[in-house]
Amino acid sequence: MTVVDQVNVHDAKTHLSKLLARVERGEEIVLARAGKPVAKLVPIARLERRPSGFAKGTIWISDDFDDPLPPEFWFGSD
């Protein structure tokens, strides 16, 4: 549902809560100043939860991942 409606800034300030409720339902609202469009209120895309294990087998962590770093890392090599 994408209904585009134009609302003047004065009316938007007066009815902001109602406009936000409409946006949450999927509508887009154009804000206008003196009848000229200047901005748009649009719903934020909701991130879908990814199922647990969706990337299983695509990531590899070395067995020595948490081993101390060699001295060369800290002090350089000569």
PDB file of N, CA and C in Angstrom:
ATOM      1  N   MET A   1       0.845  -1.184   0.000  1.00  0.00           N
ATOM      2  CA  MET A   1       0.000   0.000   0.000  1.00  0.00           C
ATOM      3  C   MET A   1       0.885   1.240   0.000  1.00  0.00           C
ATOM      4  N   THR A   2       0.876   1.962  -1.101  1.00  0.00           N
ATOM      5  CA  THR A   2       1.650   3.196  -1.158  1.00  0.00           C
ATOM      6  C   THR A   2       0.744   4.306  -1.670  1.00  0.00           C
ATOM      7  N   VAL A   3       0.069   4.961  -0.776  1.00  0.00           N
ATOM      8  CA  VAL A   3      -0.756   6.110  -1.112  1.00  0.00           C
ATOM      9  C   VAL A   3       0.103   7.342  -0.884  1.00  0.00           C
ATOM     10  N   VAL A   4       0.212   8.187  -1.883  1.00  0.00           N
ATOM     11  CA  VAL A   4       0.995   9.411  -1.720  1.00  0.00           C
ATOM     12  C   VAL A   4       0.020  10.564  -1.545  1.00  0.00           C
ATOM     13  N   ASP A   5       0.148  11.265  -0.445  1.00  0.00           N
ATOM     14  CA  ASP A   5      -0.709  12.398  -0.118  1.00  0.00           C
ATOM     15  C   ASP A   5       0.198  13.580   0.192  1.00  0.00           C
ATOM     16  N   GLN A   6      -0.211  14.780  -0.196  1.00  0.00           N
ATOM     17  CA  GLN A   6       0.577  15.974   0.083  1.00  0.00           C
ATOM     18  C   GLN A   6      -0.060  16.749   1.226  1.00  0.00           C
ATOM     19  N   VAL A   7       0.761  17.128   2.206  1.00  0.00           N
ATOM     20  CA  VAL A   7       0.290  17.849   3.390  1.00  0.00           C
ATOM     21  C   VAL A   7       1.191  19.061   3.591  1.00  0.00           C
ATOM     22  N   ASN A   8       0.583  20.211   3.865  1.00  0.00           N
ATOM     23  CA  ASN A   8       1.379  21.400   4.150  1.00  0.00           C
ATOM     24  C   ASN A   8       2.030  21.281   5.528  1.00  0.00           C
ATOM     25  N   VAL A   9       3.154  21.929   5.703  1.00  0.00           N
ATOM     26  CA  VAL A   9       3.938  21.840   6.928  1.00  0.00           C
ATOM     27  C   VAL A   9       3.104  22.205   8.156  1.00  0.00           C
ATOM     28  N   HIS A  10       2.300  23.249   8.075  1.00  0.00           N
ATOM     29  CA  HIS A  10       1.475  23.650   9.218  1.00  0.00           C
ATOM     30  C   HIS A  10       0.544  22.511   9.646  1.00  0.00           C
ATOM     31  N   ASP A  11      -0.125  21.883   8.669  1.00  0.00           N
ATOM     32  CA  ASP A  11      -1.011  20.763   8.980  1.00  0.00           C
ATOM     33  C   ASP A  11      -0.215  19.556   9.495  1.00  0.00           C
ATOM     34  N   ALA A  12       0.981  19.357   8.952  1.00  0.00           N
ATOM     35  CA  ALA A  12       1.812  18.241   9.404  1.00  0.00           C
ATOM     36  C   ALA A  12       2.193  18.407  10.865  1.00  0.00           C
ATOM     37  N   LYS A  13       2.550  19.639  11.268  1.00  0.00           N
ATOM     38  CA  LYS A  13       2.897  19.879  12.671  1.00  0.00           C
ATOM     39  C   LYS A  13       1.690  19.646  13.571  1.00  0.00           C
ATOM     40  N   THR A  14       0.527  20.019  13.105  1.00  0.00           N
ATOM     41  CA  THR A  14      -0.694  19.860  13.894  1.00  0.00           C
ATOM     42  C   THR A  14      -1.108  18.397  14.023  1.00  0.00           C
ATOM     43  N   HIS A  15      -0.884  17.610  12.975  1.00  0.00           N
ATOM     44  CA  HIS A  15      -1.382  16.231  12.927  1.00  0.00           C
ATOM     45  C   HIS A  15      -0.259  15.205  12.768  1.00  0.00           C
ATOM     46  N   LEU A  16       0.913  15.487  13.325  1.00  0.00           N
ATOM     47  CA  LEU A  16       2.064  14.611  13.118  1.00  0.00           C
ATOM     48  C   LEU A  16       1.799  13.170  13.569  1.00  0.00           C
ATOM     49  N   SER A  17       1.184  12.982  14.718  1.00  0.00           N
ATOM     50  CA  SER A  17       0.930  11.620  15.201  1.00  0.00           C
ATOM     51  C   SER A  17       0.059  10.834  14.230  1.00  0.00           C
ATOM     52  N   LYS A  18      -0.960  11.476  13.684  1.00  0.00           N
ATOM     53  CA  LYS A  18      -1.843  10.804  12.721  1.00  0.00           C
ATOM     54  C   LYS A  18      -1.098  10.486  11.433  1.00  0.00           C
ATOM     55  N   LEU A  19      -0.246  11.413  10.998  1.00  0.00           N
ATOM     56  CA  LEU A  19       0.533  11.171   9.785  1.00  0.00           C
ATOM     57  C   LEU A  19       1.496  10.008   9.979  1.00  0.00           C
ATOM     58  N   LEU A  20       2.134   9.945  11.148  1.00  0.00           N
ATOM     59  CA  LEU A  20       3.058   8.844  11.420  1.00  0.00           C
ATOM     60  C   LEU A  20       2.321   7.504  11.445  1.00  0.00           C
ATOM     61  N   ALA A  21       1.115   7.495  11.965  1.00  0.00           N
ATOM     62  CA  ALA A  21       0.322   6.256  11.969  1.00  0.00           C
ATOM     63  C   ALA A  21       0.034   5.813  10.540  1.00  0.00           C
ATOM     64  N   ARG A  22      -0.257   6.757   9.662  1.00  0.00           N
ATOM     65  CA  ARG A  22      -0.497   6.414   8.259  1.00  0.00           C
ATOM     66  C   ARG A  22       0.777   5.873   7.605  1.00  0.00           C
ATOM     67  N   VAL A  23       1.906   6.502   7.918  1.00  0.00           N
ATOM     68  CA  VAL A  23       3.182   6.042   7.357  1.00  0.00           C
ATOM     69  C   VAL A  23       3.486   4.624   7.846  1.00  0.00           C
ATOM     70  N   GLU A  24       3.206   4.358   9.116  1.00  0.00           N
ATOM     71  CA  GLU A  24       3.433   3.006   9.650  1.00  0.00           C
ATOM     72  C   GLU A  24       2.582   1.966   8.924  1.00  0.00           C
ATOM     73  N   ARG A  25       1.444   2.375   8.380  1.00  0.00           N
ATOM     74  CA  ARG A  25       0.587   1.458   7.625  1.00  0.00           C
ATOM     75  C   ARG A  25       1.048   1.319   6.175  1.00  0.00           C
ATOM     76  N   GLY A  26       2.110   2.052   5.809  1.00  0.00           N
ATOM     77  CA  GLY A  26       2.673   1.888   4.472  1.00  0.00           C
ATOM     78  C   GLY A  26       2.477   3.068   3.539  1.00  0.00           C
ATOM     79  N   GLU A  27       1.794   4.107   3.977  1.00  0.00           N
ATOM     80  CA  GLU A  27       1.578   5.266   3.112  1.00  0.00           C
ATOM     81  C   GLU A  27       2.829   6.149   3.049  1.00  0.00           C
ATOM     82  N   GLU A  28       2.917   6.918   1.989  1.00  0.00           N
ATOM     83  CA  GLU A  28       3.964   7.930   1.854  1.00  0.00           C
ATOM     84  C   GLU A  28       3.291   9.291   1.882  1.00  0.00           C
ATOM     85  N   ILE A  29       3.851  10.214   2.645  1.00  0.00           N
ATOM     86  CA  ILE A  29       3.287  11.550   2.786  1.00  0.00           C
ATOM     87  C   ILE A  29       4.315  12.563   2.304  1.00  0.00           C
ATOM     88  N   VAL A  30       3.926  13.422   1.378  1.00  0.00           N
ATOM     89  CA  VAL A  30       4.789  14.489   0.893  1.00  0.00           C
ATOM     90  C   VAL A  30       4.489  15.735   1.726  1.00  0.00           C
ATOM     91  N   LEU A  31       5.532  16.329   2.280  1.00  0.00           N
ATOM     92  CA  LEU A  31       5.390  17.574   3.034  1.00  0.00           C
ATOM     93  C   LEU A  31       5.672  18.739   2.096  1.00  0.00           C
ATOM     94  N   ALA A  32       4.793  19.720   2.141  1.00  0.00           N
ATOM     95  CA  ALA A  32       4.918  20.857   1.234  1.00  0.00           C
ATOM     96  C   ALA A  32       4.922  22.170   2.016  1.00  0.00           C
ATOM     97  N   ARG A  33       5.647  23.125   1.484  1.00  0.00           N
ATOM     98  CA  ARG A  33       5.654  24.482   2.038  1.00  0.00           C
ATOM     99  C   ARG A  33       5.083  25.392   0.948  1.00  0.00           C
ATOM    100  N   ALA A  34       3.993  26.062   1.276  1.00  0.00           N
ATOM    101  CA  ALA A  34       3.301  26.929   0.308  1.00  0.00           C
ATOM    102  C   ALA A  34       2.947  26.153  -0.960  1.00  0.00           C
ATOM    103  N   GLY A  35       2.546  24.904  -0.789  1.00  0.00           N
ATOM    104  CA  GLY A  35       2.119  24.082  -1.915  1.00  0.00           C
ATOM    105  C   GLY A  35       3.233  23.460  -2.726  1.00  0.00           C
ATOM    106  N   LYS A  36       4.495  23.721  -2.367  1.00  0.00           N
ATOM    107  CA  LYS A  36       5.635  23.156  -3.100  1.00  0.00           C
ATOM    108  C   LYS A  36       6.235  22.010  -2.293  1.00  0.00           C
ATOM    109  N   PRO A  37       6.330  20.820  -2.857  1.00  0.00           N
ATOM    110  CA  PRO A  37       6.887  19.668  -2.137  1.00  0.00           C
ATOM    111  C   PRO A  37       8.327  19.920  -1.708  1.00  0.00           C
ATOM    112  N   VAL A  38       8.631  19.579  -0.430  1.00  0.00           N
ATOM    113  CA  VAL A  38       9.996  19.761   0.078  1.00  0.00           C
ATOM    114  C   VAL A  38      10.556  18.509   0.740  1.00  0.00           C
ATOM    115  N   ALA A  39       9.702  17.590   1.172  1.00  0.00           N
ATOM    116  CA  ALA A  39      10.202  16.390   1.858  1.00  0.00           C
ATOM    117  C   ALA A  39       9.151  15.292   1.757  1.00  0.00           C
ATOM    118  N   LYS A  40       9.568  14.087   2.130  1.00  0.00           N
ATOM    119  CA  LYS A  40       8.661  12.952   2.086  1.00  0.00           C
ATOM    120  C   LYS A  40       8.808  12.117   3.350  1.00  0.00           C
ATOM    121  N   LEU A  41       7.672  11.749   3.960  1.00  0.00           N
ATOM    122  CA  LEU A  41       7.662  10.796   5.072  1.00  0.00           C
ATOM    123  C   LEU A  41       7.401   9.425   4.474  1.00  0.00           C
ATOM    124  N   VAL A  42       8.314   8.502   4.700  1.00  0.00           N
ATOM    125  CA  VAL A  42       8.152   7.149   4.167  1.00  0.00           C
ATOM    126  C   VAL A  42       8.439   6.137   5.266  1.00  0.00           C
ATOM    127  N   PRO A  43       7.836   4.956   5.191  1.00  0.00           N
ATOM    128  CA  PRO A  43       8.121   3.938   6.200  1.00  0.00           C
ATOM    129  C   PRO A  43       9.580   3.477   6.108  1.00  0.00           C
ATOM    130  N   ILE A  44      10.147   3.157   7.242  1.00  0.00           N
ATOM    131  CA  ILE A  44      11.493   2.578   7.269  1.00  0.00           C
ATOM    132  C   ILE A  44      11.368   1.102   6.940  1.00  0.00           C
ATOM    133  N   ALA A  45      12.232   0.628   6.072  1.00  0.00           N
ATOM    134  CA  ALA A  45      12.206  -0.795   5.716  1.00  0.00           C
ATOM    135  C   ALA A  45      12.526  -1.624   6.950  1.00  0.00           C
ATOM    136  N   ARG A  46      11.691  -2.568   7.238  1.00  0.00           N
ATOM    137  CA  ARG A  46      11.904  -3.450   8.387  1.00  0.00           C
ATOM    138  C   ARG A  46      12.881  -4.555   8.005  1.00  0.00           C
ATOM    139  N   LEU A  47      13.862  -4.777   8.859  1.00  0.00           N
ATOM    140  CA  LEU A  47      14.799  -5.865   8.634  1.00  0.00           C
ATOM    141  C   LEU A  47      14.153  -7.170   9.071  1.00  0.00           C
ATOM    142  N   GLU A  48      14.201  -8.134   8.196  1.00  0.00           N
ATOM    143  CA  GLU A  48      13.652  -9.439   8.539  1.00  0.00           C
ATOM    144  C   GLU A  48      14.689 -10.204   9.343  1.00  0.00           C
ATOM    145  N   ARG A  49      14.207 -10.903  10.355  1.00  0.00           N
ATOM    146  CA  ARG A  49      15.110 -11.739  11.141  1.00  0.00           C
ATOM    147  C   ARG A  49      15.583 -12.895  10.275  1.00  0.00           C
ATOM    148  N   ARG A  50      16.884 -13.108  10.305  1.00  0.00           N
ATOM    149  CA  ARG A  50      17.438 -14.227   9.554  1.00  0.00           C
ATOM    150  C   ARG A  50      17.311 -15.493  10.380  1.00  0.00           C
ATOM    151  N   PRO A  51      16.995 -16.584   9.741  1.00  0.00           N
ATOM    152  CA  PRO A  51      16.869 -17.832  10.494  1.00  0.00           C
ATOM    153  C   PRO A  51      18.223 -18.269  11.051  1.00  0.00           C
ATOM    154  N   SER A  52      18.193 -18.876  12.205  1.00  0.00           N
ATOM    155  CA  SER A  52      19.412 -19.369  12.832  1.00  0.00           C
ATOM    156  C   SER A  52      20.099 -20.371  11.913  1.00  0.00           C
ATOM    157  N   GLY A  53      21.400 -20.189  11.734  1.00  0.00           N
ATOM    158  CA  GLY A  53      22.187 -21.129  10.927  1.00  0.00           C
ATOM    159  C   GLY A  53      22.108 -20.884   9.437  1.00  0.00           C
ATOM    160  N   PHE A  54      21.587 -19.747   8.992  1.00  0.00           N
ATOM    161  CA  PHE A  54      21.416 -19.520   7.558  1.00  0.00           C
ATOM    162  C   PHE A  54      22.748 -19.486   6.805  1.00  0.00           C
ATOM    163  N   ALA A  55      23.852 -19.146   7.489  1.00  0.00           N
ATOM    164  CA  ALA A  55      25.154 -19.062   6.823  1.00  0.00           C
ATOM    165  C   ALA A  55      26.055 -20.246   7.200  1.00  0.00           C
ATOM    166  N   LYS A  56      25.468 -21.282   7.763  1.00  0.00           N
ATOM    167  CA  LYS A  56      26.252 -22.425   8.204  1.00  0.00           C
ATOM    168  C   LYS A  56      27.085 -22.986   7.053  1.00  0.00           C
ATOM    169  N   GLY A  57      28.367 -23.193   7.333  1.00  0.00           N
ATOM    170  CA  GLY A  57      29.271 -23.740   6.336  1.00  0.00           C
ATOM    171  C   GLY A  57      29.936 -22.694   5.458  1.00  0.00           C
ATOM    172  N   THR A  58      29.582 -21.429   5.599  1.00  0.00           N
ATOM    173  CA  THR A  58      30.181 -20.392   4.757  1.00  0.00           C
ATOM    174  C   THR A  58      31.248 -19.600   5.489  1.00  0.00           C
ATOM    175  N   ILE A  59      31.362 -19.793   6.791  1.00  0.00           N
ATOM    176  CA  ILE A  59      32.337 -19.062   7.589  1.00  0.00           C
ATOM    177  C   ILE A  59      33.297 -20.070   8.217  1.00  0.00           C
ATOM    178  N   TRP A  60      34.584 -19.729   8.195  1.00  0.00           N
ATOM    179  CA  TRP A  60      35.593 -20.613   8.763  1.00  0.00           C
ATOM    180  C   TRP A  60      36.445 -19.815   9.735  1.00  0.00           C
ATOM    181  N   ILE A  61      36.661 -20.355  10.921  1.00  0.00           N
ATOM    182  CA  ILE A  61      37.513 -19.720  11.923  1.00  0.00           C
ATOM    183  C   ILE A  61      38.666 -20.672  12.216  1.00  0.00           C
ATOM    184  N   SER A  62      39.868 -20.161  12.107  1.00  0.00           N
ATOM    185  CA  SER A  62      41.061 -20.971  12.321  1.00  0.00           C
ATOM    186  C   SER A  62      41.100 -21.505  13.749  1.00  0.00           C
ATOM    187  N   ASP A  63      41.687 -22.698  13.920  1.00  0.00           N
ATOM    188  CA  ASP A  63      41.813 -23.290  15.253  1.00  0.00           C
ATOM    189  C   ASP A  63      42.684 -22.436  16.175  1.00  0.00           C
ATOM    190  N   ASP A  64      43.620 -21.675  15.600  1.00  0.00           N
ATOM    191  CA  ASP A  64      44.500 -20.850  16.432  1.00  0.00           C
ATOM    192  C   ASP A  64      44.015 -19.385  16.513  1.00  0.00           C
ATOM    193  N   PHE A  65      42.757 -19.157  16.258  1.00  0.00           N
ATOM    194  CA  PHE A  65      42.185 -17.815  16.240  1.00  0.00           C
ATOM    195  C   PHE A  65      42.520 -17.009  17.495  1.00  0.00           C
ATOM    196  N   ASP A  66      42.406 -17.633  18.653  1.00  0.00           N
ATOM    197  CA  ASP A  66      42.625 -16.883  19.895  1.00  0.00           C
ATOM    198  C   ASP A  66      43.994 -17.133  20.525  1.00  0.00           C
ATOM    199  N   ASP A  67      44.924 -17.684  19.767  1.00  0.00           N
ATOM    200  CA  ASP A  67      46.292 -17.850  20.271  1.00  0.00           C
ATOM    201  C   ASP A  67      46.965 -16.483  20.359  1.00  0.00           C
ATOM    202  N   PRO A  68      47.953 -16.339  21.245  1.00  0.00           N
ATOM    203  CA  PRO A  68      48.680 -15.066  21.330  1.00  0.00           C
ATOM    204  C   PRO A  68      49.365 -14.738  20.003  1.00  0.00           C
ATOM    205  N   LEU A  69      49.472 -13.471  19.719  1.00  0.00           N
ATOM    206  CA  LEU A  69      50.154 -13.048  18.498  1.00  0.00           C
ATOM    207  C   LEU A  69      51.659 -13.201  18.683  1.00  0.00           C
ATOM    208  N   PRO A  70      52.385 -13.488  17.607  1.00  0.00           N
ATOM    209  CA  PRO A  70      53.836 -13.649  17.719  1.00  0.00           C
ATOM    210  C   PRO A  70      54.504 -12.313  18.058  1.00  0.00           C
ATOM    211  N   PRO A  71      55.701 -12.360  18.673  1.00  0.00           N
ATOM    212  CA  PRO A  71      56.405 -11.125  19.026  1.00  0.00           C
ATOM    213  C   PRO A  71      56.647 -10.211  17.823  1.00  0.00           C
ATOM    214  N   GLU A  72      56.813 -10.809  16.627  1.00  0.00           N
ATOM    215  CA  GLU A  72      57.038  -9.984  15.429  1.00  0.00           C
ATOM    216  C   GLU A  72      55.888  -9.019  15.177  1.00  0.00           C
ATOM    217  N   PHE A  73      54.705  -9.428  15.563  1.00  0.00           N
ATOM    218  CA  PHE A  73      53.539  -8.556  15.380  1.00  0.00           C
ATOM    219  C   PHE A  73      53.705  -7.287  16.208  1.00  0.00           C
ATOM    220  N   TRP A  74      54.131  -7.434  17.427  1.00  0.00           N
ATOM    221  CA  TRP A  74      54.256  -6.307  18.350  1.00  0.00           C
ATOM    222  C   TRP A  74      55.525  -5.492  18.147  1.00  0.00           C
ATOM    223  N   PHE A  75      56.625  -6.186  17.862  1.00  0.00           N
ATOM    224  CA  PHE A  75      57.927  -5.519  17.842  1.00  0.00           C
ATOM    225  C   PHE A  75      58.554  -5.429  16.467  1.00  0.00           C
ATOM    226  N   GLY A  76      57.945  -5.993  15.472  1.00  0.00           N
ATOM    227  CA  GLY A  76      58.498  -5.994  14.139  1.00  0.00           C
ATOM    228  C   GLY A  76      59.603  -7.050  14.019  1.00  0.00           C
ATOM    229  N   SER A  77      60.027  -7.291  12.806  1.00  0.00           N
ATOM    230  CA  SER A  77      61.092  -8.282  12.615  1.00  0.00           C
ATOM    231  C   SER A  77      62.372  -7.544  12.212  1.00  0.00           C
ATOM    232  N   ASP A  78      63.501  -8.075  12.655  1.00  0.00           N
ATOM    233  CA  ASP A  78      64.817  -7.452  12.368  1.00  0.00           C
ATOM    234  C   ASP A  78      65.380  -7.968  11.091  1.00  0.00           C
TER     235      ASP A  78
END
